[in-house]
Amino acid sequence: MRFVQIIEYKTSRIDEFNALLDGWVEKNAGHRLATRAFQARDRDQENVYLNIVEFPSYEKAMENSGRPETAEFATQLAALCDGPPVFRNLDLLDERTFQD
């Protein structure tokens, strides 16, 4: 079953956050475990963002979380945030794409 993790965080340093994220994506090309990722900004809360990351399974997501480079990356990102992130772990039950 596909798995989605939503990471909500607050930062006033989004440009630095995104530069670090871009570096992570580049560094992990060819051996990343995530299959898709989205970043969104909360329109109702200043400096609140969400990263929505899809994995082929919960097990692959946990494998990714257990990597030493993932822990180092998370520590670097946390230093750019205005508090701890909030994680939501979701089993993907259904997906629909609309192109009306």
C-alpha atoms as a PDB file:
ATOM      1  CA  MET A   1       0.000   0.000   0.000  1.00  0.00           C
ATOM      2  CA  ARG A   2       1.346   3.439  -0.911  1.00  0.00           C
ATOM      3  CA  PHE A   3       2.157   5.734   1.970  1.00  0.00           C
ATOM      4  CA  VAL A   4       2.041   9.523   2.296  1.00  0.00           C
ATOM      5  CA  GLN A   5       3.825  11.587   4.890  1.00  0.00           C
ATOM      6  CA  ILE A   6       2.828  15.199   5.495  1.00  0.00           C
ATOM      7  CA  ILE A   7       5.388  17.346   7.277  1.00  0.00           C
ATOM      8  CA  GLU A   8       4.113  20.701   8.527  1.00  0.00           C
ATOM      9  CA  TYR A   9       6.670  23.281   9.567  1.00  0.00           C
ATOM     10  CA  LYS A  10       7.010  26.982  10.203  1.00  0.00           C
ATOM     11  CA  THR A  11       9.959  28.959   8.907  1.00  0.00           C
ATOM     12  CA  SER A  12      10.768  32.550   8.060  1.00  0.00           C
ATOM     13  CA  ARG A  13      13.774  31.227   6.128  1.00  0.00           C
ATOM     14  CA  ILE A  14      11.990  29.433   3.283  1.00  0.00           C
ATOM     15  CA  ASP A  15      14.620  30.357   0.662  1.00  0.00           C
ATOM     16  CA  GLU A  16      17.371  28.745   2.738  1.00  0.00           C
ATOM     17  CA  PHE A  17      15.086  25.788   3.476  1.00  0.00           C
ATOM     18  CA  ASN A  18      14.424  25.279  -0.241  1.00  0.00           C
ATOM     19  CA  ALA A  19      18.113  25.585  -1.136  1.00  0.00           C
ATOM     20  CA  LEU A  20      18.877  22.822   1.377  1.00  0.00           C
ATOM     21  CA  LEU A  21      15.978  20.760   0.010  1.00  0.00           C
ATOM     22  CA  ASP A  22      17.224  21.197  -3.575  1.00  0.00           C
ATOM     23  CA  GLY A  23      20.662  19.983  -2.485  1.00  0.00           C
ATOM     24  CA  TRP A  24      19.091  16.929  -0.830  1.00  0.00           C
ATOM     25  CA  VAL A  25      17.146  16.063  -3.993  1.00  0.00           C
ATOM     26  CA  GLU A  26      20.275  16.387  -6.124  1.00  0.00           C
ATOM     27  CA  LYS A  27      22.453  14.418  -3.683  1.00  0.00           C
ATOM     28  CA  ASN A  28      19.972  11.530  -3.578  1.00  0.00           C
ATOM     29  CA  ALA A  29      19.333  11.234  -7.302  1.00  0.00           C
ATOM     30  CA  GLY A  30      19.347   7.594  -8.296  1.00  0.00           C
ATOM     31  CA  HIS A  31      18.781   6.181  -4.810  1.00  0.00           C
ATOM     32  CA  ARG A  32      15.863   8.044  -3.278  1.00  0.00           C
ATOM     33  CA  LEU A  33      12.967   6.066  -1.880  1.00  0.00           C
ATOM     34  CA  ALA A  34      10.222   8.698  -2.248  1.00  0.00           C
ATOM     35  CA  THR A  35       8.261   8.633  -5.491  1.00  0.00           C
ATOM     36  CA  ARG A  36       6.649  12.099  -5.398  1.00  0.00           C
ATOM     37  CA  ALA A  37       6.822  15.231  -3.318  1.00  0.00           C
ATOM     38  CA  PHE A  38       4.858  18.468  -3.112  1.00  0.00           C
ATOM     39  CA  GLN A  39       5.508  21.616  -1.146  1.00  0.00           C
ATOM     40  CA  ALA A  40       2.622  23.909  -0.231  1.00  0.00           C
ATOM     41  CA  ARG A  41       2.245  27.168   1.673  1.00  0.00           C
ATOM     42  CA  ASP A  42      -0.625  27.664   4.103  1.00  0.00           C
ATOM     43  CA  ARG A  43      -2.549  30.731   2.928  1.00  0.00           C
ATOM     44  CA  ASP A  44      -4.092  31.248   6.365  1.00  0.00           C
ATOM     45  CA  GLN A  45      -0.963  31.034   8.543  1.00  0.00           C
ATOM     46  CA  GLU A  46       2.121  33.120   7.884  1.00  0.00           C
ATOM     47  CA  ASN A  47       5.345  31.160   7.273  1.00  0.00           C
ATOM     48  CA  VAL A  48       3.609  27.762   7.569  1.00  0.00           C
ATOM     49  CA  TYR A  49       4.456  25.187   4.915  1.00  0.00           C
ATOM     50  CA  LEU A  50       3.729  21.537   4.220  1.00  0.00           C
ATOM     51  CA  ASN A  51       5.801  18.956   2.415  1.00  0.00           C
ATOM     52  CA  ILE A  52       3.719  16.056   1.138  1.00  0.00           C
ATOM     53  CA  VAL A  53       5.868  13.061   0.268  1.00  0.00           C
ATOM     54  CA  GLU A  54       4.703   9.804  -1.276  1.00  0.00           C
ATOM     55  CA  PHE A  55       6.475   6.469  -0.858  1.00  0.00           C
ATOM     56  CA  PRO A  56       5.700   3.071  -2.387  1.00  0.00           C
ATOM     57  CA  SER A  57       5.000   1.732   1.122  1.00  0.00           C
ATOM     58  CA  TYR A  58       5.218   2.509   4.830  1.00  0.00           C
ATOM     59  CA  GLU A  59       8.223   0.205   5.029  1.00  0.00           C
ATOM     60  CA  LYS A  60      10.107   2.203   2.359  1.00  0.00           C
ATOM     61  CA  ALA A  61       9.303   5.430   4.197  1.00  0.00           C
ATOM     62  CA  MET A  62      10.673   3.992   7.443  1.00  0.00           C
ATOM     63  CA  GLU A  63      13.756   2.741   5.589  1.00  0.00           C
ATOM     64  CA  ASN A  64      14.253   6.296   4.321  1.00  0.00           C
ATOM     65  CA  SER A  65      13.791   7.711   7.836  1.00  0.00           C
ATOM     66  CA  GLY A  66      16.375   5.283   9.174  1.00  0.00           C
ATOM     67  CA  ARG A  67      19.131   6.405   6.834  1.00  0.00           C
ATOM     68  CA  PRO A  68      21.925   8.388   8.548  1.00  0.00           C
ATOM     69  CA  GLU A  69      21.887  10.967   5.742  1.00  0.00           C
ATOM     70  CA  THR A  70      18.145  11.508   6.301  1.00  0.00           C
ATOM     71  CA  ALA A  71      18.724  12.177  10.003  1.00  0.00           C
ATOM     72  CA  GLU A  72      21.498  14.664   9.174  1.00  0.00           C
ATOM     73  CA  PHE A  73      19.277  16.378   6.601  1.00  0.00           C
ATOM     74  CA  ALA A  74      16.378  16.602   9.077  1.00  0.00           C
ATOM     75  CA  THR A  75      18.681  18.193  11.671  1.00  0.00           C
ATOM     76  CA  GLN A  76      19.819  20.801   9.146  1.00  0.00           C
ATOM     77  CA  LEU A  77      16.216  21.579   8.162  1.00  0.00           C
ATOM     78  CA  ALA A  78      15.127  21.838  11.803  1.00  0.00           C
ATOM     79  CA  ALA A  79      17.755  24.527  12.349  1.00  0.00           C
ATOM     80  CA  LEU A  80      15.933  26.641   9.751  1.00  0.00           C
ATOM     81  CA  CYS A  81      12.506  26.189  11.329  1.00  0.00           C
ATOM     82  CA  ASP A  82      10.728  28.223  13.993  1.00  0.00           C
ATOM     83  CA  GLY A  83       9.803  25.154  16.047  1.00  0.00           C
ATOM     84  CA  PRO A  84       9.524  21.398  15.637  1.00  0.00           C
ATOM     85  CA  PRO A  85       7.786  19.941  12.573  1.00  0.00           C
ATOM     86  CA  VAL A  86       4.494  18.079  12.817  1.00  0.00           C
ATOM     87  CA  PHE A  87       4.309  14.710  11.017  1.00  0.00           C
ATOM     88  CA  ARG A  88       1.219  12.973   9.702  1.00  0.00           C
ATOM     89  CA  ASN A  89       1.615   9.387   8.480  1.00  0.00           C
ATOM     90  CA  LEU A  90      -1.077   8.246   6.070  1.00  0.00           C
ATOM     91  CA  ASP A  91      -1.875   5.051   4.163  1.00  0.00           C
ATOM     92  CA  LEU A  92      -3.058   6.052   0.686  1.00  0.00           C
ATOM     93  CA  LEU A  93      -6.436   4.377   0.208  1.00  0.00           C
ATOM     94  CA  ASP A  94      -7.635   6.028  -2.980  1.00  0.00           C
ATOM     95  CA  GLU A  95      -6.358   8.415  -5.615  1.00  0.00           C
ATOM     96  CA  ARG A  96      -8.271  10.220  -8.344  1.00  0.00           C
ATOM     97  CA  THR A  97      -7.073  12.559 -11.038  1.00  0.00           C
ATOM     98  CA  PHE A  98      -9.565  14.890 -12.672  1.00  0.00           C
ATOM     99  CA  GLN A  99      -9.022  16.544 -16.019  1.00  0.00           C
ATOM    100  CA  ASP A 100     -12.352  18.124 -16.879  1.00  0.00           C
END
